[in-house]
Amino acid sequence: MNTKEKRIGRKKMSKSTDENSYNMKEGELVEIKGEVRMVVKEMTFKEYCQRHDDLGLEYDIDDAWENWQDRGPLFEVIDENGKLRAMWNEKRSEDK
């Protein structure tokens, strides 16, 4: 697979040039919508649902599963302000 690599500090940022994939691996820096973010964790579907439960949010489990299958796993990332956020792999979503 072809990749472009940039050096940011001591971390390596890689962005796939393959239009059908955008790898987000724990510990990597990735560029999303022009902003560099560090991937902390790939969440499981169970963790995704538990987060909704913990926040007291109502959701339909079947709709959540369908969304999960369409968009792939959710990732926890540190954004440009140093805050932990949950984000989908937007590149994968845009390709559909």
Protein backbone atom coordinates (compact mmCIF):
# COMPACT_ATOMS: atom_id res chain seq x y z
CA MET A 1 0.00 0.00 0.00
CA ASN A 2 1.26 3.47 -0.87
CA THR A 3 1.49 5.95 2.01
CA LYS A 4 2.56 9.52 2.46
CA GLU A 5 4.49 10.09 5.62
CA LYS A 6 5.19 13.27 7.51
CA ARG A 7 7.22 13.80 10.63
CA ILE A 8 5.63 15.67 13.48
CA GLY A 9 7.89 15.75 16.51
CA ARG A 10 8.85 12.14 17.17
CA LYS A 11 5.59 10.66 15.91
CA LYS A 12 4.97 9.53 12.38
CA MET A 13 1.76 10.57 10.64
CA SER A 14 0.56 8.38 7.83
CA LYS A 15 -2.32 8.86 5.48
CA SER A 16 -3.27 6.17 3.03
CA THR A 17 -3.46 7.20 -0.60
CA ASP A 18 -5.75 4.24 -1.29
CA GLU A 19 -9.17 5.83 -1.82
CA ASN A 20 -10.99 2.92 -0.16
CA SER A 21 -9.21 2.92 3.17
CA TYR A 22 -7.99 5.26 5.84
CA ASN A 23 -6.13 3.39 8.53
CA MET A 24 -6.59 4.65 12.06
CA LYS A 25 -4.35 2.74 14.42
CA GLU A 26 -3.86 3.35 18.11
CA GLY A 27 -0.92 5.66 18.80
CA GLU A 28 -0.76 7.13 15.30
CA LEU A 29 -1.25 10.72 14.29
CA VAL A 30 -3.82 11.14 11.55
CA GLU A 31 -5.05 14.12 9.61
CA ILE A 32 -8.83 14.53 9.67
CA LYS A 33 -10.42 17.51 7.95
CA GLY A 34 -7.10 19.35 7.97
CA GLU A 35 -6.47 18.83 11.71
CA VAL A 36 -3.91 16.46 13.20
CA ARG A 37 -5.26 14.10 15.85
CA MET A 38 -3.74 11.26 17.84
CA VAL A 39 -5.67 8.00 17.86
CA VAL A 40 -5.94 6.73 21.42
CA LYS A 41 -8.29 3.77 21.16
CA GLU A 42 -10.58 1.90 18.79
CA MET A 43 -13.88 1.44 20.60
CA THR A 44 -15.91 -1.75 20.49
CA PHE A 45 -19.63 -1.72 19.76
CA LYS A 46 -20.26 -2.67 23.39
CA GLU A 47 -18.24 0.36 24.56
CA TYR A 48 -20.14 2.56 22.10
CA CYS A 49 -23.49 1.42 23.54
CA GLN A 50 -22.20 1.67 27.12
CA ARG A 51 -21.21 5.30 26.51
CA HIS A 52 -24.80 6.06 25.44
CA ASP A 53 -26.10 4.25 28.52
CA ASP A 54 -23.71 6.11 30.85
CA LEU A 55 -24.85 9.45 29.41
CA GLY A 56 -28.51 8.48 29.75
CA LEU A 57 -29.08 8.81 26.00
CA GLU A 58 -31.93 6.97 24.35
CA TYR A 59 -31.03 5.05 21.22
CA ASP A 60 -32.33 2.18 19.13
CA ILE A 61 -29.88 -0.72 19.31
CA ASP A 62 -30.77 -1.89 15.79
CA ASP A 63 -30.19 1.59 14.33
CA ALA A 64 -26.93 1.85 16.27
CA TRP A 65 -25.75 -1.51 14.90
CA GLU A 66 -26.69 -0.56 11.33
CA ASN A 67 -24.82 2.74 11.71
CA TRP A 68 -21.82 0.89 13.16
CA GLN A 69 -21.73 -1.50 10.22
CA ASP A 70 -21.98 1.36 7.71
CA ARG A 71 -19.40 3.63 9.35
CA GLY A 72 -17.08 1.13 11.01
CA PRO A 73 -15.69 1.42 14.52
CA LEU A 74 -15.61 4.61 16.56
CA PHE A 75 -12.23 5.93 17.68
CA GLU A 76 -11.19 7.96 20.69
CA VAL A 77 -8.78 10.67 19.57
CA ILE A 78 -7.04 13.63 21.15
CA ASP A 79 -8.01 16.71 19.18
CA GLU A 80 -5.98 19.84 18.43
CA ASN A 81 -6.98 21.30 21.82
CA GLY A 82 -5.83 18.24 23.76
CA LYS A 83 -9.38 17.04 24.46
CA LEU A 84 -10.42 13.41 24.18
CA ARG A 85 -13.17 12.97 21.56
CA ALA A 86 -14.95 10.10 19.92
CA MET A 87 -14.77 10.23 16.12
CA TRP A 88 -15.77 8.03 13.24
CA ASN A 89 -13.32 7.29 10.49
CA GLU A 90 -14.81 10.00 8.28
CA LYS A 91 -12.73 9.03 5.25
CA ARG A 92 -14.44 5.63 5.21
CA SER A 93 -17.87 7.30 5.50
CA GLU A 94 -17.13 9.71 2.64
CA ASP A 95 -16.14 6.88 0.30
CA LYS A 96 -19.57 5.22 0.40
